């Protein structure tokens, strides 16, 4: 009998700030198995963070910290030239805040997924990836790092004994080297929903993804990211969930 295929679906949430509301966190949680909550540096504020944690606990989804660069205007998507020590400090600070707030609400932090430019720079830089992994280990050795498949985030976590979940992206395109196409490029985001759904099934069932050049590249995916800030994010999450069920793929939190 073939082994049951499983996948974790994660979403970046808690990205509202003050009076500004981004995304529909409560609705999208119905279709995912883990959430990455902004820690206040690129988005979110203490009240938004606590509210989002409670929504996640009510929905019975795993709670993760989503640390990013302190760049609210740029939504954490602009590269900033910090030293590895500074990256260690800002990562430690943000994870610590989320961990405490989750524990106050009677639960525990499950994972850490860097955000935006921090995530992309760590995927390409061994030094940045090492700093992030060390910060996670200092906070809690049982946490899981969500990192881009085939990146330094994954390799450094494995080298240092930290649990890791290789991540793929539902609505982003890939270069031949396995990196995400930069958002500054016109074709960085897949706009056709059918193309996204096909990419999902291919990544899980064949462990492959088609790069922008047309070449197929190998990819390991334990978790798939669905972005929660799009105009049709909830509808899209629902459709991803449906296509997985149709293909007998179980949505399950990374353990």
Protein backbone atom coordinates (compact mmCIF):
# COMPACT_ATOMS: atom_id res chain seq x y z
CA UNK A 1 0.00 0.00 0.00
CA UNK A 2 1.34 3.43 -0.96
CA UNK A 3 2.26 5.74 1.90
CA UNK A 4 -0.22 8.55 2.55
CA UNK A 5 1.12 11.83 1.14
CA UNK A 6 0.93 14.67 3.67
CA UNK A 7 1.72 18.38 3.54
CA UNK A 8 1.63 21.25 6.00
CA UNK A 9 -0.05 24.42 4.73
CA UNK A 10 1.29 27.60 6.33
CA UNK A 11 0.26 31.22 6.02
CA UNK A 12 1.83 34.54 7.10
CA UNK A 13 -0.68 36.31 9.34
CA UNK A 14 -0.99 38.96 12.03
CA UNK A 15 0.15 41.59 9.56
CA UNK A 16 -2.34 44.28 10.48
CA UNK A 17 -0.99 47.32 12.35
CA UNK A 18 -2.95 49.70 14.56
CA UNK A 19 -6.02 50.80 12.64
CA UNK A 20 -4.76 49.27 9.38
CA UNK A 21 -6.23 45.84 8.62
CA UNK A 22 -4.47 43.42 6.30
CA UNK A 23 -5.91 40.05 5.34
CA UNK A 24 -8.73 37.97 6.77
CA UNK A 25 -6.86 35.95 9.37
CA UNK A 26 -9.84 34.21 10.97
CA UNK A 27 -11.22 32.86 7.69
CA UNK A 28 -7.92 31.72 6.20
CA UNK A 29 -7.12 29.70 9.34
CA UNK A 30 -9.92 27.30 8.36
CA UNK A 31 -7.79 25.98 5.50
CA UNK A 32 -4.20 25.90 6.86
CA UNK A 33 -2.40 23.79 9.47
CA UNK A 34 0.16 26.33 10.70
CA UNK A 35 0.50 30.11 10.84
CA UNK A 36 3.48 32.47 10.98
CA UNK A 37 2.67 35.51 13.08
CA UNK A 38 4.44 38.82 12.40
CA UNK A 39 6.47 39.90 15.43
CA UNK A 40 6.07 43.69 15.22
CA UNK A 41 9.18 44.58 13.21
CA UNK A 42 7.85 44.43 9.63
CA UNK A 43 4.15 44.28 10.62
CA UNK A 44 1.91 43.59 13.58
CA UNK A 45 1.72 45.24 16.98
CA UNK A 46 1.31 43.72 20.47
CA UNK A 47 -2.50 43.78 20.35
CA UNK A 48 -2.62 42.32 16.83
CA UNK A 49 -0.11 39.63 17.84
CA UNK A 50 -2.13 38.52 20.89
CA UNK A 51 -5.40 38.53 18.97
CA UNK A 52 -3.88 36.48 16.14
CA UNK A 53 -2.39 33.96 18.59
CA UNK A 54 -5.83 33.44 20.14
CA UNK A 55 -7.47 33.04 16.72
CA UNK A 56 -4.86 30.40 15.87
CA UNK A 57 -5.40 28.52 19.13
CA UNK A 58 -9.18 28.58 18.58
CA UNK A 59 -8.65 27.19 15.07
CA UNK A 60 -6.24 24.52 16.42
CA UNK A 61 -3.39 25.44 14.07
CA UNK A 62 0.30 25.50 14.99
CA UNK A 63 1.69 28.92 15.92
CA UNK A 64 5.01 30.12 14.54
CA UNK A 65 7.06 33.31 14.88
CA UNK A 66 7.61 35.33 11.70
CA UNK A 67 10.58 37.62 12.45
CA UNK A 68 11.64 40.18 9.87
CA UNK A 69 13.69 43.32 9.36
CA UNK A 70 12.53 46.45 11.24
CA UNK A 71 11.05 48.00 8.10
CA UNK A 72 7.31 48.66 8.37
CA UNK A 73 7.29 51.05 5.40
CA UNK A 74 8.87 48.43 3.16
CA UNK A 75 6.92 45.57 4.78
CA UNK A 76 10.22 43.85 5.50
CA UNK A 77 10.84 43.17 1.83
CA UNK A 78 13.86 45.47 1.39
CA UNK A 79 17.36 44.11 1.85
CA UNK A 80 19.18 45.67 4.81
CA UNK A 81 22.88 45.17 5.35
CA UNK A 82 22.98 44.00 8.97
CA UNK A 83 25.90 42.10 10.47
CA UNK A 84 25.31 38.45 11.44
CA UNK A 85 25.46 39.51 15.12
CA UNK A 86 22.72 42.10 14.56
CA UNK A 87 20.60 39.49 12.75
CA UNK A 88 21.09 37.09 15.66
CA UNK A 89 19.92 39.81 18.07
CA UNK A 90 16.84 40.93 16.13
CA UNK A 91 15.80 37.31 15.51
CA UNK A 92 16.28 36.36 19.17
CA UNK A 93 14.28 39.40 20.30
CA UNK A 94 11.30 38.69 18.05
CA UNK A 95 11.11 34.95 18.72
CA UNK A 96 11.35 35.61 22.45
CA UNK A 97 8.41 38.01 22.29
CA UNK A 98 6.18 35.58 20.37
CA UNK A 99 7.16 32.63 22.56
CA UNK A 100 6.22 34.49 25.73
CA UNK A 101 2.90 35.70 24.34
CA UNK A 102 1.96 32.19 23.16
CA UNK A 103 2.85 30.71 26.55
CA UNK A 104 0.81 33.36 28.38
CA UNK A 105 -2.19 32.16 26.36
CA UNK A 106 -1.56 28.59 27.55
CA UNK A 107 0.13 27.08 24.51
CA UNK A 108 3.63 26.76 23.02
CA UNK A 109 5.49 28.11 20.01
CA UNK A 110 5.84 25.50 17.27
CA UNK A 111 8.14 26.96 14.63
CA UNK A 112 10.01 29.97 13.25
CA UNK A 113 9.84 31.24 9.69
CA UNK A 114 11.87 34.33 8.76
CA UNK A 115 9.99 36.93 6.72
CA UNK A 116 10.59 38.62 3.38
CA UNK A 117 14.07 39.97 2.75
CA UNK A 118 15.45 38.29 5.87
CA UNK A 119 14.21 34.93 4.58
CA UNK A 120 15.55 35.47 1.06
CA UNK A 121 18.95 36.76 2.20
CA UNK A 122 19.34 33.86 4.64
CA UNK A 123 18.51 31.41 1.86
CA UNK A 124 21.53 32.67 -0.09
CA UNK A 125 23.92 33.54 2.77
CA UNK A 126 25.44 30.87 5.01
CA UNK A 127 26.41 33.51 7.61
CA UNK A 128 22.89 34.96 7.90
CA UNK A 129 21.33 31.50 7.98
CA UNK A 130 23.77 30.47 10.73
CA UNK A 131 22.87 33.54 12.82
CA UNK A 132 19.15 32.79 12.54
CA UNK A 133 19.58 29.11 13.42
CA UNK A 134 21.74 29.99 16.44
CA UNK A 135 19.09 32.44 17.68
CA UNK A 136 16.38 29.77 17.42
CA UNK A 137 18.54 27.23 19.26
CA UNK A 138 19.17 29.73 22.07
CA UNK A 139 15.42 30.22 22.55
CA UNK A 140 14.22 26.61 22.25
CA UNK A 141 15.96 23.61 20.70
CA UNK A 142 12.58 21.97 20.03
CA UNK A 143 11.41 24.67 17.60
CA UNK A 144 11.22 23.86 13.89
CA UNK A 145 12.71 26.19 11.27
CA UNK A 146 10.63 26.70 8.12
CA UNK A 147 13.14 27.45 5.35
CA UNK A 148 13.30 27.55 1.58
CA UNK A 149 13.91 24.11 0.12
CA UNK A 150 17.53 23.57 -1.03
CA UNK A 151 18.73 26.74 0.73
CA UNK A 152 21.30 27.62 3.39
CA UNK A 153 18.47 27.94 5.90
CA UNK A 154 17.80 24.23 5.53
CA UNK A 155 21.42 23.07 5.37
CA UNK A 156 22.56 25.17 8.34
CA UNK A 157 19.64 23.97 10.46
CA UNK A 158 20.50 20.35 9.68
CA UNK A 159 24.22 20.94 10.34
CA UNK A 160 23.48 22.43 13.77
CA UNK A 161 20.91 19.85 14.80
CA UNK A 162 17.81 22.03 14.54
CA UNK A 163 14.65 20.47 13.16
CA UNK A 164 13.72 21.91 9.79
CA UNK A 165 10.76 21.88 7.40
CA UNK A 166 11.63 22.49 3.74
CA UNK A 167 9.23 25.04 2.32
CA UNK A 168 7.76 25.49 -1.13
CA UNK A 169 5.63 28.36 -2.42
CA UNK A 170 2.21 27.98 -3.96
CA UNK A 171 2.11 31.26 -5.88
CA UNK A 172 5.76 32.12 -6.53
CA UNK A 173 8.01 31.23 -9.47
CA UNK A 174 11.46 29.67 -9.20
CA UNK A 175 14.81 30.24 -10.86
CA UNK A 176 16.89 27.31 -12.10
CA UNK A 177 19.07 27.52 -8.96
CA UNK A 178 16.03 26.77 -6.79
CA UNK A 179 15.75 30.32 -5.44
CA UNK A 180 12.51 32.28 -5.67
CA UNK A 181 12.28 34.79 -8.50
CA UNK A 182 12.84 38.22 -6.86
CA UNK A 183 9.66 40.24 -6.39
CA UNK A 184 11.23 43.03 -8.42
CA UNK A 185 10.83 40.81 -11.51
CA UNK A 186 7.58 40.89 -13.44
CA UNK A 187 7.01 37.13 -13.32
CA UNK A 188 7.79 36.64 -9.60
CA UNK A 189 4.19 35.84 -8.65
CA UNK A 190 1.98 33.27 -10.39
CA UNK A 191 -1.24 35.10 -11.24
CA UNK A 192 -3.14 32.19 -12.83
CA UNK A 193 -4.74 30.13 -10.07
CA UNK A 194 -4.78 26.94 -12.16
CA UNK A 195 -1.02 27.24 -12.69
CA UNK A 196 -0.55 27.60 -8.91
CA UNK A 197 -2.66 24.52 -8.20
CA UNK A 198 -0.73 22.48 -10.76
CA UNK A 199 2.54 23.61 -9.15
CA UNK A 200 1.25 22.47 -5.74
CA UNK A 201 0.49 18.94 -6.89
CA UNK A 202 3.73 18.64 -8.87
CA UNK A 203 5.84 19.70 -5.88
CA UNK A 204 4.19 17.19 -3.54
CA UNK A 205 3.64 14.17 -5.78
CA UNK A 206 6.68 14.46 -8.10
CA UNK A 207 9.06 16.50 -5.88
CA UNK A 208 9.72 18.78 -8.82
CA UNK A 209 8.96 22.37 -9.85
CA UNK A 210 9.23 24.00 -13.27
CA UNK A 211 11.59 26.98 -13.26
CA UNK A 212 10.92 30.15 -15.26
CA UNK A 213 13.28 28.81 -17.95
CA UNK A 214 11.10 25.73 -18.40
CA UNK A 215 13.62 23.42 -16.76
CA UNK A 216 12.37 21.02 -14.09
CA UNK A 217 14.27 21.18 -10.81
CA UNK A 218 14.13 18.87 -7.78
CA UNK A 219 12.45 20.17 -4.65
CA UNK A 220 11.66 18.75 -1.21
CA UNK A 221 8.56 20.18 0.46
CA UNK A 222 7.32 19.52 3.98
CA UNK A 223 5.28 22.72 4.10
CA UNK A 224 3.70 25.01 1.50
CA UNK A 225 3.21 28.75 1.95
CA UNK A 226 -0.05 30.46 1.05
CA UNK A 227 0.09 34.26 1.22
CA UNK A 228 -2.74 35.73 3.26
CA UNK A 229 -2.66 39.35 2.07
CA UNK A 230 -4.05 38.99 -1.46
CA UNK A 231 -7.50 40.18 -2.52
CA UNK A 232 -8.70 36.59 -3.02
CA UNK A 233 -6.48 34.94 -0.38
CA UNK A 234 -9.27 33.09 1.45
CA UNK A 235 -10.82 31.77 -1.76
CA UNK A 236 -7.39 30.68 -2.97
CA UNK A 237 -6.61 28.90 0.32
CA UNK A 238 -9.93 27.10 0.07
CA UNK A 239 -9.14 25.98 -3.48
CA UNK A 240 -5.66 24.74 -2.50
CA UNK A 241 -7.21 22.77 0.35
CA UNK A 242 -9.79 21.27 -2.02
CA UNK A 243 -7.26 20.23 -4.68
CA UNK A 244 -5.13 18.51 -2.04
CA UNK A 245 -8.12 16.52 -0.77
CA UNK A 246 -9.10 15.59 -4.32
CA UNK A 247 -5.59 14.16 -4.80
CA UNK A 248 -5.72 12.26 -1.48
CA UNK A 249 -3.05 14.49 0.11
CA UNK A 250 -3.58 15.00 3.84
CA UNK A 251 -3.09 18.50 5.29
CA UNK A 252 -1.11 17.96 8.48
CA UNK A 253 1.10 20.08 10.75
CA UNK A 254 4.83 19.34 10.66
CA UNK A 255 5.80 17.27 13.71
